[in-house]
Protein backbone atom coordinates (compact mmCIF):
# COMPACT_ATOMS: atom_id res chain seq x y z
CA MET A 1 -1.40 11.04 -15.10
CA LYS A 2 2.34 10.43 -15.20
CA THR A 3 3.56 6.82 -15.07
CA ILE A 4 6.93 6.07 -13.49
CA ILE A 5 8.53 2.64 -13.66
CA TYR A 6 11.42 1.88 -11.33
CA PRO A 7 13.94 -0.93 -11.78
CA SER A 8 13.85 -2.88 -8.53
CA ILE A 9 15.99 -4.84 -6.12
CA THR A 10 14.16 -8.13 -5.85
CA VAL A 11 15.05 -10.79 -3.34
CA ILE A 12 13.89 -14.21 -4.43
CA SER A 13 17.01 -16.38 -4.46
CA GLU A 14 20.04 -16.41 -2.20
CA GLY A 15 22.61 -13.88 -3.36
CA GLY A 16 20.10 -12.25 -5.69
CA TRP A 17 20.08 -8.82 -4.11
CA GLN A 18 23.88 -8.57 -4.26
CA LYS A 19 23.69 -9.00 -8.03
CA LYS A 20 21.03 -6.29 -8.22
CA VAL A 21 23.22 -3.92 -6.21
CA GLU A 22 26.03 -4.48 -8.72
CA GLU A 23 23.62 -3.79 -11.60
CA ILE A 24 22.59 -0.53 -9.94
CA ARG A 25 26.24 0.43 -9.63
CA PHE A 26 27.00 -0.59 -13.24
CA PHE A 27 24.04 1.28 -14.74
CA LYS A 28 24.49 4.26 -12.36
CA LEU A 29 20.83 4.15 -11.33
CA LYS A 30 19.66 6.81 -8.89
CA LYS A 31 16.16 5.53 -7.99
CA VAL A 32 15.01 1.94 -7.56
CA GLY A 33 12.18 0.01 -5.91
CA MET A 34 12.89 -2.62 -3.27
CA PHE A 35 11.25 -5.98 -2.60
CA PRO A 36 13.09 -7.51 0.40
CA THR A 37 10.58 -10.36 0.45
CA SER A 38 12.71 -13.22 1.78
CA LEU A 39 15.20 -11.31 3.97
CA ASN A 40 15.14 -11.31 7.75
CA LYS A 41 15.74 -8.03 9.60
CA ASN A 42 19.55 -8.37 9.82
CA GLU A 43 19.78 -9.23 6.12
CA ARG A 44 17.56 -6.28 5.23
CA TYR A 45 19.81 -3.89 7.12
CA GLU A 46 22.80 -5.32 5.24
CA LEU A 47 20.96 -4.52 2.01
CA TYR A 48 20.09 -1.04 3.30
CA GLN A 49 23.77 -0.38 4.10
CA LYS A 50 24.78 -1.30 0.55
CA ALA A 51 21.99 0.90 -0.80
CA LYS A 52 23.22 3.83 1.34
CA GLU A 53 26.72 3.37 -0.09
CA LEU A 54 25.22 3.74 -3.58
CA LYS A 55 23.47 6.98 -2.53
CA ILE A 56 20.24 5.90 -4.19
CA GLU A 57 16.64 6.79 -3.52
CA VAL A 58 14.15 3.99 -2.94
CA PRO A 59 10.76 5.61 -3.54
CA PHE A 60 8.84 2.29 -3.28
CA VAL A 61 9.25 -0.65 -0.87
CA HIS A 62 7.29 -3.88 -0.51
CA LEU A 63 6.71 -4.36 3.22
CA ARG A 64 7.03 -7.67 5.05
CA ASN A 65 4.84 -8.58 8.00
CA ASP A 66 7.79 -8.24 10.41
CA MET A 67 8.70 -4.65 9.50
CA GLY A 68 7.86 -2.23 12.28
CA ARG A 69 7.45 1.52 12.42
CA ASP A 70 11.15 2.00 13.19
CA GLU A 71 12.16 0.26 9.98
CA ILE A 72 9.58 2.14 7.92
CA LYS A 73 10.86 5.42 9.38
CA TYR A 74 14.43 4.33 8.57
CA LEU A 75 13.43 3.81 4.92
CA ILE A 76 11.69 7.17 4.75
CA ASP A 77 14.58 9.02 6.41
CA ASN A 78 17.41 7.34 4.51
CA PHE A 79 15.95 6.63 1.08
CA LYS A 80 13.10 9.12 0.67
CA THR A 81 10.64 6.23 0.50
CA LYS A 82 7.09 7.46 -0.06
CA LEU A 83 5.20 4.44 -1.34
CA PHE A 84 4.71 1.07 0.32
CA ASN A 85 2.66 -2.01 -0.39
CA VAL A 86 2.02 -5.11 1.65
CA GLN A 87 0.65 -8.56 0.90
CA ILE A 88 -2.24 -9.56 3.10
CA GLY A 89 -2.86 -13.25 3.50
CA ARG A 90 -1.25 -16.00 1.51
CA ALA A 91 -0.91 -16.04 -2.23
CA HIS A 92 -2.63 -18.96 -3.92
CA VAL A 93 -0.61 -20.53 -6.69
């Protein structure tokens, strides 16, 4: 079995994804994962626009509970996304 590890755009702190986009540009990455965990829909589409400008593929996305079929289709159509995961319930820390 082949293992593939993708660098990822993670969204934990404010302004974090913008830094990741710049890293993708700097390192000329072509495929990355995406974890838009703390972004609302408008913020996610801002991230998606920047990702489109980079002409990257996003084969894996962590879904949020407010992402609908239209957004999932958008990811598949624009970034060749094939793999998704979703957190069910609340994480216990």
